[in-house]
Amino acid sequence: MLRFEHVSKRYPDAGEVLTDISFHLARGEMAFLTGRSGAGKSTLLKLIAMMEQCSRGNVLLEGKNITRVGDRQIPYLRRNLGLIFQDYKLLNDRTVFDNVALPLIVAGFGHQEVSRRVRAALDKVGLLGKERKHPLSLSGGEQQRVGIARAIVNKPKLILADEPTGNLDPDLSAEVMHMFEQFVQVGVTVLVATHDIELITRLGHRVLHLDKGRLQAGSE
């Protein structure tokens, strides 16, 4: 599903932040990406999301090399991705429905299909009935679930989550991870960047550990 082949990333002002990264994630696999702040976790996720381009090596998504894709191709390829952030990145002046619907509207879906998919996604995360609320009227856990609903509404093949439980208590963190495991059961690949060692240990999924931009564990 996802393959890194000897990938490095260098910034002019920061030097090399990722060095010779190689690993493969299979379809329907869940893995954790760990490492201290500054280890390169967010940069690695940005390479997959095509927010950044690697300096050397190749990143393959379903066999397609996304290392040097044209700008016109990026929105189409991103439809296979669901992105989840620690700070939610919701539009606070829009309703829950509008936030979740945004990827579908950008992709050009019709009103009926948008409504059907949004309601199905909200039902999946336990928020059906709150579609007319605004994000700031919800709890932190509910806002994160809105972010998850937005990430899955397009039926992505790969979910990338950057510290998705960083603002949540242990019970809500476990609830979010249970959702991810449910997605894996239907063939979605999930990569979660996190500092939560206790959570990682308890769930027992594969761990990709970065240290100063190098992959120290989990390449196989």
Protein backbone atom coordinates (compact mmCIF):
# COMPACT_ATOMS: atom_id res chain seq x y z
CA MET A 1 0.00 0.00 0.00
CA LEU A 2 2.74 2.44 1.05
CA ARG A 3 6.46 2.11 0.41
CA PHE A 4 9.45 4.33 1.20
CA GLU A 5 12.62 3.57 -0.75
CA HIS A 6 15.78 5.20 0.64
CA VAL A 7 13.99 8.49 1.27
CA SER A 8 15.83 11.57 2.56
CA LYS A 9 14.55 15.10 3.12
CA ARG A 10 16.77 18.17 3.44
CA TYR A 11 15.73 21.75 4.19
CA PRO A 12 18.09 24.63 3.32
CA ASP A 13 17.88 26.12 6.82
CA ALA A 14 17.65 22.92 8.91
CA GLY A 15 19.79 20.44 7.02
CA GLU A 16 18.75 16.81 6.60
CA VAL A 17 15.72 15.93 8.76
CA LEU A 18 15.13 12.45 7.27
CA THR A 19 17.94 10.14 6.17
CA ASP A 20 17.68 6.97 4.04
CA ILE A 21 14.20 5.90 5.22
CA SER A 22 12.90 2.56 3.88
CA PHE A 23 9.78 0.69 4.99
CA HIS A 24 6.56 -0.83 3.66
CA LEU A 25 3.01 -0.81 5.01
CA ALA A 26 0.61 -3.43 3.72
CA ARG A 27 -3.05 -2.85 2.95
CA GLY A 28 -5.09 -3.09 6.15
CA GLU A 29 -2.07 -2.65 8.43
CA MET A 30 -1.93 -0.30 11.40
CA ALA A 31 1.41 1.06 12.59
CA PHE A 32 2.69 3.69 14.98
CA LEU A 33 5.33 6.28 14.09
CA THR A 34 7.30 7.32 17.18
CA GLY A 35 10.28 9.45 18.13
CA ARG A 36 11.12 12.57 20.09
CA SER A 37 10.01 16.03 18.96
CA GLY A 38 12.14 16.96 15.98
CA ALA A 39 12.82 13.33 15.01
CA GLY A 40 11.08 13.83 11.65
CA LYS A 41 7.61 12.33 12.24
CA SER A 42 5.59 15.23 10.88
CA THR A 43 7.93 15.62 7.91
CA LEU A 44 7.50 11.96 7.03
CA LEU A 45 3.71 12.33 7.10
CA LYS A 46 3.92 15.46 4.93
CA LEU A 47 5.86 13.51 2.30
CA ILE A 48 3.04 10.95 2.13
CA ALA A 49 0.39 13.70 1.99
CA MET A 50 2.34 15.42 -0.82
CA MET A 51 2.72 18.59 1.26
CA GLU A 52 6.48 18.21 0.83
CA GLN A 53 8.74 16.49 -1.69
CA CYS A 54 11.64 14.28 -0.67
CA SER A 55 15.18 15.27 -1.61
CA ARG A 56 16.24 11.71 -2.50
CA GLY A 57 14.52 8.35 -2.87
CA ASN A 58 10.96 7.36 -3.75
CA VAL A 59 7.60 7.28 -2.00
CA LEU A 60 5.11 4.87 -3.56
CA LEU A 61 1.37 4.88 -2.86
CA GLU A 62 -0.39 1.82 -4.27
CA GLY A 63 2.55 1.34 -6.59
CA LYS A 64 2.48 4.90 -7.93
CA ASN A 65 5.57 7.02 -7.35
CA ILE A 66 4.29 10.23 -5.74
CA THR A 67 7.76 11.72 -5.38
CA ARG A 68 7.50 14.04 -8.34
CA VAL A 69 3.81 14.25 -9.18
CA GLY A 70 2.49 17.34 -10.93
CA ASP A 71 0.40 19.90 -9.06
CA ARG A 72 -2.71 18.91 -11.01
CA GLN A 73 -2.40 15.29 -9.89
CA ILE A 74 -2.05 16.01 -6.17
CA PRO A 75 -5.75 16.74 -5.38
CA TYR A 76 -6.77 13.54 -7.16
CA LEU A 77 -4.18 11.41 -5.33
CA ARG A 78 -5.10 12.95 -1.98
CA ARG A 79 -8.59 11.50 -2.31
CA ASN A 80 -7.02 8.20 -1.24
CA LEU A 81 -5.79 9.82 2.00
CA GLY A 82 -7.53 10.72 5.25
CA LEU A 83 -5.64 13.29 7.35
CA ILE A 84 -6.20 13.70 11.10
CA PHE A 85 -4.49 16.38 13.19
CA GLN A 86 -3.90 16.96 16.91
CA ASP A 87 -5.41 20.46 16.76
CA TYR A 88 -8.41 19.22 14.71
CA LYS A 89 -8.11 22.00 12.04
CA LEU A 90 -11.87 22.48 11.93
CA LEU A 91 -13.59 25.56 10.49
CA ASN A 92 -15.21 27.08 13.55
CA ASP A 93 -17.58 29.29 11.56
CA ARG A 94 -19.03 26.24 9.78
CA THR A 95 -21.29 23.50 11.11
CA VAL A 96 -20.14 19.96 11.83
CA PHE A 97 -21.93 18.89 8.64
CA ASP A 98 -20.09 21.49 6.55
CA ASN A 99 -16.71 20.55 8.03
CA VAL A 100 -17.17 16.86 7.23
CA ALA A 101 -18.65 17.60 3.78
CA LEU A 102 -15.72 19.76 2.66
CA PRO A 103 -13.59 17.00 1.02
CA LEU A 104 -16.63 15.76 -0.91
CA ILE A 105 -17.57 19.23 -2.12
CA VAL A 106 -13.99 19.84 -3.28
CA ALA A 107 -14.12 16.48 -5.11
CA GLY A 108 -17.33 17.52 -6.90
CA PHE A 109 -19.87 15.13 -5.37
CA GLY A 110 -23.57 15.96 -5.76
CA HIS A 111 -25.74 17.18 -2.89
CA GLN A 112 -27.51 13.86 -2.31
CA GLU A 113 -24.29 11.84 -2.19
CA VAL A 114 -22.64 14.42 0.06
CA SER A 115 -25.56 14.23 2.51
CA ARG A 116 -25.54 10.43 2.51
CA ARG A 117 -21.80 10.10 3.06
CA VAL A 118 -21.60 12.80 5.73
CA ARG A 119 -24.39 11.23 7.76
CA ALA A 120 -22.76 7.79 7.42
CA ALA A 121 -19.38 9.16 8.57
CA LEU A 122 -20.93 10.98 11.54
CA ASP A 123 -22.83 7.85 12.49
CA LYS A 124 -19.56 5.88 12.39
CA VAL A 125 -17.98 8.22 14.96
CA GLY A 126 -21.10 8.53 17.12
CA LEU A 127 -22.00 12.11 16.23
CA LEU A 128 -25.13 11.66 14.13
CA GLY A 129 -27.58 14.25 15.42
CA LYS A 130 -24.92 16.91 15.98
CA GLU A 131 -24.41 17.86 12.34
CA ARG A 132 -25.89 21.36 12.85
CA LYS A 133 -23.68 22.15 15.83
CA HIS A 134 -20.58 24.31 15.50
CA PRO A 135 -17.18 22.88 16.55
CA LEU A 136 -16.67 25.25 19.48
CA SER A 137 -19.88 23.99 21.09
CA LEU A 138 -18.42 20.46 21.23
CA SER A 139 -16.00 18.85 23.67
CA GLY A 140 -12.39 18.18 22.64
CA GLY A 141 -13.16 14.50 22.11
CA GLU A 142 -16.16 15.33 19.94
CA GLN A 143 -14.11 17.77 17.87
CA GLN A 144 -11.51 15.07 17.28
CA ARG A 145 -14.27 12.72 16.16
CA VAL A 146 -15.47 15.38 13.70
CA GLY A 147 -11.90 15.41 12.35
CA ILE A 148 -11.99 11.63 12.01
CA ALA A 149 -15.36 11.76 10.24
CA ARG A 150 -13.94 14.31 7.79
CA ALA A 151 -10.93 12.04 7.20
CA ILE A 152 -13.04 8.96 6.41
CA VAL A 153 -15.93 10.55 4.50
CA ASN A 154 -14.08 10.13 1.21
CA LYS A 155 -13.52 6.41 1.96
CA PRO A 156 -9.70 6.72 1.93
CA LYS A 157 -7.38 3.76 1.55
CA LEU A 158 -4.78 5.28 3.90
CA ILE A 159 -5.31 7.30 7.10
CA LEU A 160 -2.49 9.48 8.43
CA ALA A 161 -2.95 10.70 12.00
CA ASP A 162 -0.51 13.21 13.54
CA GLU A 163 -0.73 13.02 17.36
CA PRO A 164 -4.50 12.41 17.21
CA THR A 165 -4.81 11.73 20.96
CA GLY A 166 -2.43 14.43 22.20
CA ASN A 167 -5.27 16.55 23.62
CA LEU A 168 -7.44 13.68 24.86
CA ASP A 169 -7.70 11.82 28.16
CA PRO A 170 -6.83 8.09 28.29
CA ASP A 171 -10.43 6.89 27.83
CA LEU A 172 -11.00 9.07 24.77
CA SER A 173 -7.59 8.09 23.39
CA ALA A 174 -8.55 4.41 23.65
CA GLU A 175 -11.86 5.18 21.93
CA VAL A 176 -10.10 6.88 19.01
CA MET A 177 -7.68 3.97 18.62
CA HIS A 178 -10.57 1.52 18.66
CA MET A 179 -12.08 3.44 15.72
CA PHE A 180 -8.79 3.15 13.84
CA GLU A 181 -8.71 -0.60 14.46
CA GLN A 182 -12.24 -0.87 13.06
CA PHE A 183 -11.08 0.86 9.87
CA VAL A 184 -8.18 -1.60 9.60
CA GLN A 185 -10.64 -4.49 9.73
CA VAL A 186 -12.21 -3.29 6.47
CA GLY A 187 -8.85 -2.93 4.69
CA VAL A 188 -7.85 0.66 5.46
CA THR A 189 -4.15 1.24 6.23
CA VAL A 190 -3.52 3.48 9.27
CA LEU A 191 -0.28 5.25 10.26
CA VAL A 192 -0.37 7.09 13.60
CA ALA A 193 2.37 9.45 14.77
CA THR A 194 2.32 9.58 18.57
CA HIS A 195 4.35 10.06 21.75
CA ASP A 196 1.95 7.92 23.80
CA ILE A 197 4.18 4.95 24.67
CA GLU A 198 1.61 3.44 27.04
CA LEU A 199 -1.00 3.40 24.28
CA ILE A 200 1.45 1.89 21.80
CA THR A 201 2.46 -0.86 24.22
CA ARG A 202 -1.11 -1.74 25.07
CA LEU A 203 -2.29 -2.07 21.47
CA GLY A 204 0.71 -4.04 20.21
CA HIS A 205 0.84 -2.86 16.60
CA ARG A 206 4.05 -2.44 14.64
CA VAL A 207 6.21 0.55 15.64
CA LEU A 208 8.33 2.66 13.27
CA HIS A 209 10.78 4.52 15.50
CA LEU A 210 12.62 7.61 14.27
CA ASP A 211 15.73 8.96 15.97
CA LYS A 212 17.34 12.11 14.56
CA GLY A 213 15.79 11.47 11.18
CA ARG A 214 16.81 7.84 10.88
CA LEU A 215 14.53 4.82 11.15
CA GLN A 216 15.80 2.75 14.07
CA ALA A 217 13.07 0.09 14.24
CA GLY A 218 10.06 -1.26 12.36
CA SER A 219 11.35 -1.19 8.79
CA GLU A 220 10.18 -4.76 8.18
